[in-house]
Amino acid sequence: MTSARSGERKLQILQALAHMLETPRGEKITTAALARRLELSEAALYRHFASKAQMFDGLIEFIETSVFGLINQIAEREENGREQTRAILMMLLNFAERNPGMTRVLTGDALINEDSRLQSRMNQFYDRVELAFRHSLRIAAAQGHSKEEEAPIRAAVLLAFVSGRWQRYAKTGFSISLTGDMAAQAGLLLP
């Protein structure tokens, strides 16, 4: 099998896993269930991933690459710190809304019975998101929108808000809109 073909199969496996995560009350996610969904043997799964934890690592890598790539794009294109913060906030909610299965990884729900290293990795993800908020809020403070000493506190509040919205989205079976009333909420949260 060529590495291109192997890469395609890995992507199919990760997409199937993400899709299975979209049904939180559905079947238990096991390698056997995943193999059945893909019409493969479990041995075929293990040719691409050494463990289920490695599959979740692949999903987390997708999340990190996507989210931090978008944060970098926002930082490059938006000079206004307040608008940069608003754009990051909206992107995080949009990302979850467009990727419900990934939201269960973001909240840690999908990682509960998995390797604790995966949850540690998601904790680092949260730290990096908070750092991105802090950076854009410091720019906003330098531009006169708020006080610089408020940046770390406001960044923590924004992260808690996003995390809470993700949790609610997952707990309601992805039935609420994360972004529908965001303009009003952002007005209360941002400097």
N, C-alpha and C. Protein backbone atom coordinates (compact mmCIF):
# COMPACT_ATOMS: atom_id res chain seq x y z
N MET A 1 0.84 -1.18 0.00
CA MET A 1 0.00 0.00 0.00
C MET A 1 0.89 1.24 0.00
N THR A 2 0.61 2.19 -0.86
CA THR A 2 1.41 3.41 -0.92
C THR A 2 1.11 4.27 0.30
N SER A 3 2.05 5.17 0.61
CA SER A 3 1.82 6.03 1.76
C SER A 3 0.65 6.98 1.52
N ALA A 4 0.39 7.36 0.26
CA ALA A 4 -0.76 8.20 -0.04
C ALA A 4 -2.05 7.44 0.29
N ARG A 5 -2.10 6.21 -0.10
CA ARG A 5 -3.27 5.37 0.18
C ARG A 5 -3.41 5.16 1.68
N SER A 6 -2.29 4.94 2.36
CA SER A 6 -2.28 4.77 3.80
C SER A 6 -2.78 6.04 4.49
N GLY A 7 -2.33 7.20 3.99
CA GLY A 7 -2.78 8.49 4.53
C GLY A 7 -4.27 8.68 4.34
N GLU A 8 -4.80 8.26 3.17
CA GLU A 8 -6.24 8.36 2.92
C GLU A 8 -7.01 7.48 3.89
N ARG A 9 -6.52 6.27 4.13
CA ARG A 9 -7.19 5.35 5.04
C ARG A 9 -7.18 5.89 6.47
N LYS A 10 -6.04 6.48 6.88
CA LYS A 10 -5.96 7.08 8.22
C LYS A 10 -7.01 8.18 8.36
N LEU A 11 -7.12 9.00 7.33
CA LEU A 11 -8.11 10.08 7.35
C LEU A 11 -9.52 9.51 7.43
N GLN A 12 -9.81 8.46 6.68
CA GLN A 12 -11.12 7.82 6.74
C GLN A 12 -11.41 7.30 8.15
N ILE A 13 -10.42 6.72 8.78
CA ILE A 13 -10.60 6.20 10.13
C ILE A 13 -10.91 7.34 11.10
N LEU A 14 -10.15 8.43 11.00
CA LEU A 14 -10.38 9.58 11.89
C LEU A 14 -11.73 10.21 11.63
N GLN A 15 -12.14 10.31 10.37
CA GLN A 15 -13.46 10.87 10.05
C GLN A 15 -14.57 9.99 10.62
N ALA A 16 -14.41 8.68 10.51
CA ALA A 16 -15.42 7.76 11.05
C ALA A 16 -15.48 7.88 12.58
N LEU A 17 -14.33 7.99 13.22
CA LEU A 17 -14.30 8.16 14.68
C LEU A 17 -15.00 9.46 15.07
N ALA A 18 -14.69 10.55 14.37
CA ALA A 18 -15.33 11.84 14.66
C ALA A 18 -16.84 11.74 14.45
N HIS A 19 -17.25 11.05 13.41
CA HIS A 19 -18.69 10.89 13.14
C HIS A 19 -19.36 10.08 14.26
N MET A 20 -18.70 9.04 14.73
CA MET A 20 -19.25 8.25 15.84
C MET A 20 -19.39 9.10 17.10
N LEU A 21 -18.49 10.04 17.30
CA LEU A 21 -18.56 10.91 18.47
C LEU A 21 -19.73 11.89 18.41
N GLU A 22 -20.33 12.05 17.24
CA GLU A 22 -21.47 12.95 17.10
C GLU A 22 -22.74 12.37 17.71
N THR A 23 -22.73 11.10 18.05
CA THR A 23 -23.90 10.47 18.67
C THR A 23 -23.52 10.04 20.08
N PRO A 24 -23.51 10.98 21.03
CA PRO A 24 -23.02 10.70 22.37
C PRO A 24 -23.76 9.57 23.08
N ARG A 25 -25.00 9.36 22.77
CA ARG A 25 -25.74 8.30 23.43
C ARG A 25 -25.85 7.06 22.55
N GLY A 26 -25.07 7.04 21.49
CA GLY A 26 -25.07 5.91 20.57
C GLY A 26 -24.23 4.77 21.11
N GLU A 27 -23.76 3.95 20.20
CA GLU A 27 -22.98 2.79 20.61
C GLU A 27 -21.65 3.22 21.24
N LYS A 28 -21.17 2.37 22.14
CA LYS A 28 -19.88 2.62 22.78
C LYS A 28 -18.80 2.61 21.69
N ILE A 29 -17.89 3.55 21.78
CA ILE A 29 -16.85 3.65 20.76
C ILE A 29 -15.71 2.71 21.14
N THR A 30 -15.66 1.64 20.42
CA THR A 30 -14.59 0.65 20.57
C THR A 30 -13.93 0.49 19.21
N THR A 31 -12.76 -0.11 19.21
CA THR A 31 -12.12 -0.36 17.91
C THR A 31 -12.96 -1.35 17.10
N ALA A 32 -13.65 -2.27 17.76
CA ALA A 32 -14.51 -3.22 17.05
C ALA A 32 -15.66 -2.49 16.36
N ALA A 33 -16.30 -1.56 17.08
CA ALA A 33 -17.40 -0.79 16.49
C ALA A 33 -16.90 0.09 15.35
N LEU A 34 -15.74 0.70 15.54
CA LEU A 34 -15.17 1.54 14.49
C LEU A 34 -14.84 0.69 13.26
N ALA A 35 -14.26 -0.48 13.47
CA ALA A 35 -13.94 -1.37 12.35
C ALA A 35 -15.20 -1.79 11.61
N ARG A 36 -16.27 -2.10 12.36
CA ARG A 36 -17.55 -2.46 11.72
C ARG A 36 -18.07 -1.32 10.85
N ARG A 37 -18.01 -0.11 11.38
CA ARG A 37 -18.50 1.06 10.64
C ARG A 37 -17.74 1.22 9.33
N LEU A 38 -16.45 0.96 9.37
CA LEU A 38 -15.61 1.12 8.18
C LEU A 38 -15.55 -0.13 7.30
N GLU A 39 -16.21 -1.18 7.78
CA GLU A 39 -16.18 -2.48 7.09
C GLU A 39 -14.74 -2.96 6.92
N LEU A 40 -14.01 -2.88 8.01
CA LEU A 40 -12.63 -3.34 8.08
C LEU A 40 -12.50 -4.30 9.26
N SER A 41 -11.38 -4.97 9.30
CA SER A 41 -11.07 -5.78 10.49
C SER A 41 -10.37 -4.87 11.49
N GLU A 42 -10.40 -5.27 12.76
CA GLU A 42 -9.66 -4.51 13.76
C GLU A 42 -8.17 -4.52 13.43
N ALA A 43 -7.70 -5.62 12.90
CA ALA A 43 -6.27 -5.71 12.52
C ALA A 43 -5.93 -4.64 11.49
N ALA A 44 -6.86 -4.35 10.57
CA ALA A 44 -6.62 -3.30 9.57
C ALA A 44 -6.51 -1.94 10.24
N LEU A 45 -7.33 -1.70 11.27
CA LEU A 45 -7.23 -0.43 12.01
C LEU A 45 -5.84 -0.30 12.64
N TYR A 46 -5.40 -1.41 13.24
CA TYR A 46 -4.12 -1.38 13.95
C TYR A 46 -2.92 -1.30 13.02
N ARG A 47 -3.13 -1.51 11.74
CA ARG A 47 -2.03 -1.29 10.78
C ARG A 47 -1.79 0.21 10.60
N HIS A 48 -2.82 1.00 10.86
CA HIS A 48 -2.71 2.46 10.69
C HIS A 48 -2.49 3.19 12.01
N PHE A 49 -3.04 2.65 13.07
CA PHE A 49 -2.91 3.26 14.40
C PHE A 49 -2.59 2.16 15.40
N ALA A 50 -1.59 2.38 16.23
CA ALA A 50 -1.18 1.36 17.19
C ALA A 50 -2.19 1.15 18.31
N SER A 51 -3.05 2.16 18.55
CA SER A 51 -4.03 2.07 19.63
C SER A 51 -5.15 3.06 19.39
N LYS A 52 -6.21 2.92 20.16
CA LYS A 52 -7.31 3.89 20.08
C LYS A 52 -6.81 5.26 20.56
N ALA A 53 -5.91 5.26 21.53
CA ALA A 53 -5.34 6.53 22.01
C ALA A 53 -4.64 7.26 20.86
N GLN A 54 -3.97 6.51 20.01
CA GLN A 54 -3.29 7.13 18.87
C GLN A 54 -4.30 7.73 17.89
N MET A 55 -5.48 7.12 17.79
CA MET A 55 -6.54 7.68 16.95
C MET A 55 -7.01 9.01 17.53
N PHE A 56 -7.20 9.03 18.85
CA PHE A 56 -7.60 10.29 19.49
C PHE A 56 -6.50 11.34 19.36
N ASP A 57 -5.25 10.92 19.42
CA ASP A 57 -4.14 11.85 19.18
C ASP A 57 -4.29 12.49 17.80
N GLY A 58 -4.69 11.69 16.81
CA GLY A 58 -4.91 12.21 15.46
C GLY A 58 -6.01 13.26 15.42
N LEU A 59 -7.10 13.02 16.17
CA LEU A 59 -8.18 14.01 16.23
C LEU A 59 -7.71 15.28 16.93
N ILE A 60 -6.97 15.11 18.01
CA ILE A 60 -6.46 16.29 18.74
C ILE A 60 -5.50 17.08 17.86
N GLU A 61 -4.68 16.39 17.11
CA GLU A 61 -3.76 17.08 16.20
C GLU A 61 -4.54 17.88 15.16
N PHE A 62 -5.63 17.31 14.64
CA PHE A 62 -6.47 18.04 13.69
C PHE A 62 -7.04 19.30 14.35
N ILE A 63 -7.54 19.15 15.57
CA ILE A 63 -8.11 20.30 16.30
C ILE A 63 -7.05 21.38 16.49
N GLU A 64 -5.87 20.99 16.99
CA GLU A 64 -4.80 21.96 17.24
C GLU A 64 -4.37 22.67 15.96
N THR A 65 -4.15 21.90 14.92
CA THR A 65 -3.70 22.49 13.66
C THR A 65 -4.75 23.45 13.12
N SER A 66 -6.00 23.06 13.15
CA SER A 66 -7.07 23.90 12.63
C SER A 66 -7.24 25.16 13.45
N VAL A 67 -7.41 25.00 14.76
CA VAL A 67 -7.70 26.14 15.63
C VAL A 67 -6.53 27.13 15.67
N PHE A 68 -5.32 26.63 15.87
CA PHE A 68 -4.20 27.57 15.99
C PHE A 68 -3.80 28.15 14.64
N GLY A 69 -4.05 27.42 13.57
CA GLY A 69 -3.87 27.98 12.24
C GLY A 69 -4.81 29.15 12.01
N LEU A 70 -6.06 28.98 12.44
CA LEU A 70 -7.06 30.05 12.30
C LEU A 70 -6.74 31.23 13.22
N ILE A 71 -6.29 30.96 14.43
CA ILE A 71 -5.91 32.04 15.35
C ILE A 71 -4.77 32.85 14.73
N ASN A 72 -3.80 32.19 14.15
CA ASN A 72 -2.69 32.90 13.50
C ASN A 72 -3.17 33.75 12.35
N GLN A 73 -4.11 33.22 11.55
CA GLN A 73 -4.68 34.01 10.44
C GLN A 73 -5.40 35.24 10.96
N ILE A 74 -6.17 35.07 12.04
CA ILE A 74 -6.89 36.21 12.63
C ILE A 74 -5.89 37.26 13.10
N ALA A 75 -4.84 36.83 13.79
CA ALA A 75 -3.83 37.77 14.32
C ALA A 75 -3.14 38.52 13.20
N GLU A 76 -2.89 37.84 12.08
CA GLU A 76 -2.22 38.49 10.95
C GLU A 76 -3.12 39.49 10.24
N ARG A 77 -4.40 39.19 10.15
CA ARG A 77 -5.29 40.04 9.35
C ARG A 77 -5.96 41.15 10.17
N GLU A 78 -6.09 40.97 11.48
CA GLU A 78 -6.82 41.94 12.30
C GLU A 78 -5.87 42.63 13.28
N GLU A 79 -5.68 43.93 13.09
CA GLU A 79 -4.78 44.69 13.96
C GLU A 79 -5.46 45.17 15.23
N ASN A 80 -6.76 45.36 15.18
CA ASN A 80 -7.50 45.84 16.34
C ASN A 80 -7.63 44.69 17.34
N GLY A 81 -7.07 44.87 18.53
CA GLY A 81 -7.06 43.81 19.54
C GLY A 81 -8.45 43.37 19.97
N ARG A 82 -9.36 44.33 20.08
CA ARG A 82 -10.74 43.98 20.47
C ARG A 82 -11.40 43.12 19.41
N GLU A 83 -11.24 43.51 18.15
CA GLU A 83 -11.83 42.73 17.05
C GLU A 83 -11.13 41.38 16.88
N GLN A 84 -9.83 41.35 17.17
CA GLN A 84 -9.09 40.10 17.12
C GLN A 84 -9.66 39.13 18.17
N THR A 85 -9.91 39.64 19.36
CA THR A 85 -10.48 38.81 20.43
C THR A 85 -11.85 38.31 20.03
N ARG A 86 -12.67 39.19 19.49
CA ARG A 86 -14.03 38.81 19.04
C ARG A 86 -13.95 37.73 17.96
N ALA A 87 -13.03 37.89 17.03
CA ALA A 87 -12.89 36.91 15.94
C ALA A 87 -12.45 35.55 16.46
N ILE A 88 -11.54 35.54 17.43
CA ILE A 88 -11.09 34.27 18.03
C ILE A 88 -12.25 33.61 18.75
N LEU A 89 -12.99 34.38 19.51
CA LEU A 89 -14.16 33.87 20.22
C LEU A 89 -15.15 33.23 19.26
N MET A 90 -15.49 33.94 18.20
CA MET A 90 -16.45 33.42 17.21
C MET A 90 -15.91 32.19 16.49
N MET A 91 -14.63 32.20 16.16
CA MET A 91 -14.04 31.05 15.48
C MET A 91 -14.12 29.80 16.34
N LEU A 92 -13.83 29.94 17.64
CA LEU A 92 -13.88 28.77 18.53
C LEU A 92 -15.28 28.18 18.61
N LEU A 93 -16.28 29.04 18.64
CA LEU A 93 -17.66 28.55 18.70
C LEU A 93 -18.09 27.97 17.35
N ASN A 94 -17.71 28.63 16.27
CA ASN A 94 -18.02 28.11 14.93
C ASN A 94 -17.36 26.76 14.68
N PHE A 95 -16.11 26.62 15.12
CA PHE A 95 -15.40 25.36 14.93
C PHE A 95 -16.16 24.22 15.59
N ALA A 96 -16.60 24.43 16.81
CA ALA A 96 -17.33 23.39 17.53
C ALA A 96 -18.67 23.10 16.85
N GLU A 97 -19.35 24.15 16.43
CA GLU A 97 -20.66 23.97 15.79
C GLU A 97 -20.54 23.18 14.49
N ARG A 98 -19.47 23.40 13.77
CA ARG A 98 -19.26 22.70 12.50
C ARG A 98 -18.68 21.29 12.67
N ASN A 99 -18.15 21.02 13.85
CA ASN A 99 -17.49 19.73 14.12
C ASN A 99 -18.00 19.15 15.44
N PRO A 100 -19.25 18.72 15.49
CA PRO A 100 -19.81 18.27 16.77
C PRO A 100 -19.03 17.12 17.40
N GLY A 101 -18.56 16.18 16.61
CA GLY A 101 -17.78 15.08 17.17
C GLY A 101 -16.50 15.58 17.84
N MET A 102 -15.87 16.56 17.22
CA MET A 102 -14.65 17.14 17.79
C MET A 102 -14.96 17.88 19.09
N THR A 103 -16.18 18.39 19.21
CA THR A 103 -16.58 19.10 20.43
C THR A 103 -16.49 18.17 21.63
N ARG A 104 -16.83 16.90 21.44
CA ARG A 104 -16.73 15.94 22.54
C ARG A 104 -15.27 15.69 22.93
N VAL A 105 -14.36 15.88 22.00
CA VAL A 105 -12.93 15.80 22.32
C VAL A 105 -12.52 17.08 23.04
N LEU A 106 -12.98 18.23 22.54
CA LEU A 106 -12.66 19.52 23.16
C LEU A 106 -13.11 19.57 24.62
N THR A 107 -14.27 19.01 24.91
CA THR A 107 -14.79 19.06 26.28
C THR A 107 -14.18 17.97 27.16
N GLY A 108 -13.53 17.01 26.55
CA GLY A 108 -12.96 15.90 27.30
C GLY A 108 -13.90 14.74 27.48
N ASP A 109 -15.18 14.89 27.09
CA ASP A 109 -16.17 13.81 27.24
C ASP A 109 -15.71 12.53 26.56
N ALA A 110 -15.16 12.66 25.37
CA ALA A 110 -14.75 11.48 24.60
C ALA A 110 -13.47 10.85 25.15
N LEU A 111 -12.79 11.56 26.04
CA LEU A 111 -11.50 11.09 26.53
C LEU A 111 -11.57 10.47 27.92
N ILE A 112 -12.75 10.41 28.51
CA ILE A 112 -12.91 9.98 29.90
C ILE A 112 -12.28 8.61 30.17
N ASN A 113 -12.54 7.64 29.35
CA ASN A 113 -12.02 6.29 29.59
C ASN A 113 -10.77 5.98 28.76
N GLU A 114 -10.12 7.03 28.29
CA GLU A 114 -8.93 6.86 27.46
C GLU A 114 -7.68 7.19 28.25
N ASP A 115 -6.55 7.11 27.61
CA ASP A 115 -5.25 7.40 28.21
C ASP A 115 -5.26 8.82 28.80
N SER A 116 -4.84 8.98 30.06
CA SER A 116 -4.86 10.29 30.72
C SER A 116 -3.97 11.30 30.01
N ARG A 117 -3.01 10.82 29.25
CA ARG A 117 -2.14 11.71 28.48
C ARG A 117 -2.94 12.57 27.49
N LEU A 118 -4.05 12.00 26.98
CA LEU A 118 -4.88 12.73 26.03
C LEU A 118 -5.55 13.93 26.70
N GLN A 119 -6.05 13.74 27.91
CA GLN A 119 -6.66 14.86 28.63
C GLN A 119 -5.61 15.91 28.96
N SER A 120 -4.41 15.48 29.29
CA SER A 120 -3.32 16.44 29.55
C SER A 120 -3.05 17.27 28.30
N ARG A 121 -3.08 16.62 27.16
CA ARG A 121 -2.86 17.33 25.89
C ARG A 121 -3.96 18.36 25.66
N MET A 122 -5.21 18.00 25.98
CA MET A 122 -6.31 18.96 25.82
C MET A 122 -6.17 20.10 26.82
N ASN A 123 -5.66 19.83 28.02
CA ASN A 123 -5.42 20.90 28.99
C ASN A 123 -4.40 21.89 28.44
N GLN A 124 -3.37 21.40 27.76
CA GLN A 124 -2.39 22.28 27.13
C GLN A 124 -3.04 23.09 26.02
N PHE A 125 -3.97 22.47 25.29
CA PHE A 125 -4.70 23.18 24.25
C PHE A 125 -5.44 24.37 24.87
N TYR A 126 -6.14 24.13 25.98
CA TYR A 126 -6.86 25.20 26.67
C TYR A 126 -5.91 26.31 27.10
N ASP A 127 -4.74 25.94 27.63
CA ASP A 127 -3.75 26.95 28.04
C ASP A 127 -3.34 27.81 26.86
N ARG A 128 -3.14 27.19 25.71
CA ARG A 128 -2.72 27.94 24.51
C ARG A 128 -3.84 28.86 24.02
N VAL A 129 -5.09 28.42 24.10
CA VAL A 129 -6.22 29.28 23.71
C VAL A 129 -6.29 30.47 24.65
N GLU A 130 -6.14 30.23 25.94
CA GLU A 130 -6.18 31.33 26.91
C GLU A 130 -5.04 32.32 26.63
N LEU A 131 -3.88 31.81 26.28
CA LEU A 131 -2.75 32.66 25.93
C LEU A 131 -3.05 33.51 24.70
N ALA A 132 -3.74 32.94 23.72
CA ALA A 132 -4.12 33.69 22.52
C ALA A 132 -5.09 34.82 22.89
N PHE A 133 -6.05 34.50 23.75
CA PHE A 133 -6.97 35.55 24.22
C PHE A 133 -6.20 36.65 24.96
N ARG A 134 -5.29 36.24 25.82
CA ARG A 134 -4.51 37.20 26.60
C ARG A 134 -3.72 38.13 25.68
N HIS A 135 -3.12 37.55 24.64
CA HIS A 135 -2.33 38.34 23.70
C HIS A 135 -3.21 39.38 22.99
N SER A 136 -4.34 38.95 22.48
CA SER A 136 -5.20 39.91 21.76
C SER A 136 -5.78 40.95 22.71
N LEU A 137 -6.04 40.58 23.95
CA LEU A 137 -6.55 41.54 24.93
C LEU A 137 -5.48 42.54 25.35
N ARG A 138 -4.23 42.12 25.35
CA ARG A 138 -3.14 43.07 25.63
C ARG A 138 -3.01 44.09 24.50
N ILE A 139 -3.22 43.62 23.27
CA ILE A 139 -3.23 44.55 22.14
C ILE A 139 -4.37 45.54 22.31
N ALA A 140 -5.55 45.01 22.69
CA ALA A 140 -6.71 45.88 22.91
C ALA A 140 -6.42 46.91 24.00
N ALA A 141 -5.73 46.50 25.06
CA ALA A 141 -5.39 47.43 26.14
C ALA A 141 -4.42 48.50 25.64
N ALA A 142 -3.44 48.10 24.84
CA ALA A 142 -2.48 49.06 24.28
C ALA A 142 -3.17 50.06 23.36
N GLN A 143 -4.30 49.65 22.80
CA GLN A 143 -5.07 50.52 21.91
C GLN A 143 -6.12 51.34 22.66
N GLY A 144 -6.11 51.22 24.01
CA GLY A 144 -7.00 52.02 24.84
C GLY A 144 -8.38 51.44 25.08
N HIS A 145 -8.61 50.17 24.77
CA HIS A 145 -9.93 49.57 24.97
C HIS A 145 -10.15 49.05 26.39
N SER A 146 -9.07 48.83 27.12
CA SER A 146 -9.19 48.32 28.49
C SER A 146 -7.88 48.54 29.22
N LYS A 147 -7.81 48.06 30.46
CA LYS A 147 -6.57 48.16 31.23
C LYS A 147 -5.77 46.88 31.02
N GLU A 148 -4.46 47.03 30.91
CA GLU A 148 -3.60 45.87 30.65
C GLU A 148 -3.72 44.81 31.74
N GLU A 149 -3.88 45.22 33.01
CA GLU A 149 -3.96 44.25 34.09
C GLU A 149 -5.24 43.40 34.03
N GLU A 150 -6.21 43.83 33.23
CA GLU A 150 -7.44 43.06 33.06
C GLU A 150 -7.27 41.90 32.07
N ALA A 151 -6.26 41.95 31.23
CA ALA A 151 -6.11 40.96 30.15
C ALA A 151 -6.09 39.51 30.65
N PRO A 152 -5.29 39.17 31.67
CA PRO A 152 -5.30 37.76 32.11
C PRO A 152 -6.64 37.32 32.69
N ILE A 153 -7.29 38.22 33.43
CA ILE A 153 -8.58 37.89 34.04
C ILE A 153 -9.64 37.73 32.96
N ARG A 154 -9.68 38.68 32.04
CA ARG A 154 -10.67 38.62 30.95
C ARG A 154 -10.43 37.39 30.06
N ALA A 155 -9.15 37.04 29.83
CA ALA A 155 -8.82 35.86 29.02
C ALA A 155 -9.35 34.60 29.69
N ALA A 156 -9.20 34.51 31.01
CA ALA A 156 -9.71 33.34 31.76
C ALA A 156 -11.23 33.28 31.67
N VAL A 157 -11.89 34.42 31.76
CA VAL A 157 -13.36 34.46 31.67
C VAL A 157 -13.81 34.04 30.27
N LEU A 158 -13.13 34.51 29.24
CA LEU A 158 -13.48 34.13 27.86
C LEU A 158 -13.29 32.63 27.64
N LEU A 159 -12.20 32.09 28.15
CA LEU A 159 -11.97 30.65 28.02
C LEU A 159 -13.06 29.86 28.76
N ALA A 160 -13.42 30.30 29.95
CA ALA A 160 -14.48 29.62 30.71
C ALA A 160 -15.81 29.72 29.96
N PHE A 161 -16.07 30.86 29.35
CA PHE A 161 -17.30 31.03 28.57
C PHE A 161 -17.34 30.06 27.40
N VAL A 162 -16.25 30.01 26.63
CA VAL A 162 -16.18 29.11 25.46
C VAL A 162 -16.33 27.67 25.91
N SER A 163 -15.59 27.29 26.94
CA SER A 163 -15.64 25.93 27.46
C SER A 163 -17.07 25.58 27.91
N GLY A 164 -17.72 26.50 28.57
CA GLY A 164 -19.09 26.28 29.02
C GLY A 164 -20.06 26.12 27.85
N ARG A 165 -19.88 26.92 26.83
CA ARG A 165 -20.74 26.81 25.64
C ARG A 165 -20.51 25.47 24.95
N TRP A 166 -19.25 25.04 24.84
CA TRP A 166 -18.95 23.74 24.24
C TRP A 166 -19.63 22.62 25.04
N GLN A 167 -19.53 22.71 26.38
CA GLN A 167 -20.14 21.70 27.25
C GLN A 167 -21.65 21.64 27.02
N ARG A 168 -22.27 22.79 27.01
CA ARG A 168 -23.73 22.84 26.83
C ARG A 168 -24.12 22.27 25.47
N TYR A 169 -23.36 22.62 24.45
CA TYR A 169 -23.61 22.13 23.10
C TYR A 169 -23.55 20.60 23.08
N ALA A 170 -22.53 20.03 23.68
CA ALA A 170 -22.38 18.58 23.71
C ALA A 170 -23.47 17.93 24.56
N LYS A 171 -23.77 18.50 25.71
CA LYS A 171 -24.75 17.92 26.64
C LYS A 171 -26.17 17.96 26.08
N THR A 172 -26.44 18.88 25.17
CA THR A 172 -27.78 18.95 24.56
C THR A 172 -27.87 18.14 23.28
N GLY A 173 -26.86 17.32 23.03
CA GLY A 173 -26.87 16.52 21.81
C GLY A 173 -26.69 17.37 20.57
N PHE A 174 -25.99 18.48 20.71
CA PHE A 174 -25.67 19.39 19.61
C PHE A 174 -26.92 20.06 19.04
N SER A 175 -27.90 20.29 19.90
CA SER A 175 -29.17 20.84 19.41
C SER A 175 -29.28 22.36 19.55
N ILE A 176 -28.41 22.98 20.32
CA ILE A 176 -28.48 24.44 20.45
C ILE A 176 -27.51 25.10 19.48
N SER A 177 -27.75 26.35 19.19
CA SER A 177 -26.83 27.11 18.36
C SER A 177 -25.79 27.76 19.27
N LEU A 178 -24.55 27.59 18.92
CA LEU A 178 -23.48 28.22 19.69
C LEU A 178 -23.28 29.68 19.30
N THR A 179 -23.68 30.04 18.11
CA THR A 179 -23.36 31.37 17.59
C THR A 179 -24.57 32.27 17.38
N GLY A 180 -25.77 31.75 17.56
CA GLY A 180 -26.98 32.51 17.25
C GLY A 180 -27.10 33.84 17.98
N ASP A 181 -26.80 33.87 19.25
CA ASP A 181 -26.94 35.09 20.05
C ASP A 181 -25.58 35.65 20.48
N MET A 182 -24.56 35.31 19.72
CA MET A 182 -23.20 35.67 20.11
C MET A 182 -22.92 37.17 20.07
N ALA A 183 -23.53 37.89 19.17
CA ALA A 183 -23.23 39.33 19.09
C ALA A 183 -23.54 40.02 20.42
N ALA A 184 -24.69 39.71 21.00
CA ALA A 184 -25.08 40.32 22.27
C ALA A 184 -24.17 39.84 23.40
N GLN A 185 -23.87 38.55 23.42
CA GLN A 185 -23.02 38.01 24.48
C GLN A 185 -21.60 38.57 24.39
N ALA A 186 -21.08 38.66 23.18
CA ALA A 186 -19.73 39.20 23.00
C ALA A 186 -19.66 40.65 23.50
N GLY A 187 -20.74 41.40 23.29
CA GLY A 187 -20.78 42.77 23.77
C GLY A 187 -20.61 42.87 25.28
N LEU A 188 -21.10 41.86 25.99
CA LEU A 188 -20.95 41.85 27.46
C LEU A 188 -19.57 41.36 27.90
N LEU A 189 -18.96 40.51 27.10
CA LEU A 189 -17.70 39.88 27.49
C LEU A 189 -16.45 40.66 27.12
N LEU A 190 -16.53 41.41 26.04
CA LEU A 190 -15.34 42.08 25.51
C LEU A 190 -15.20 43.49 26.06
N PRO A 191 -13.95 43.97 26.10
CA PRO A 191 -13.74 45.33 26.64
C PRO A 191 -14.34 46.39 25.74
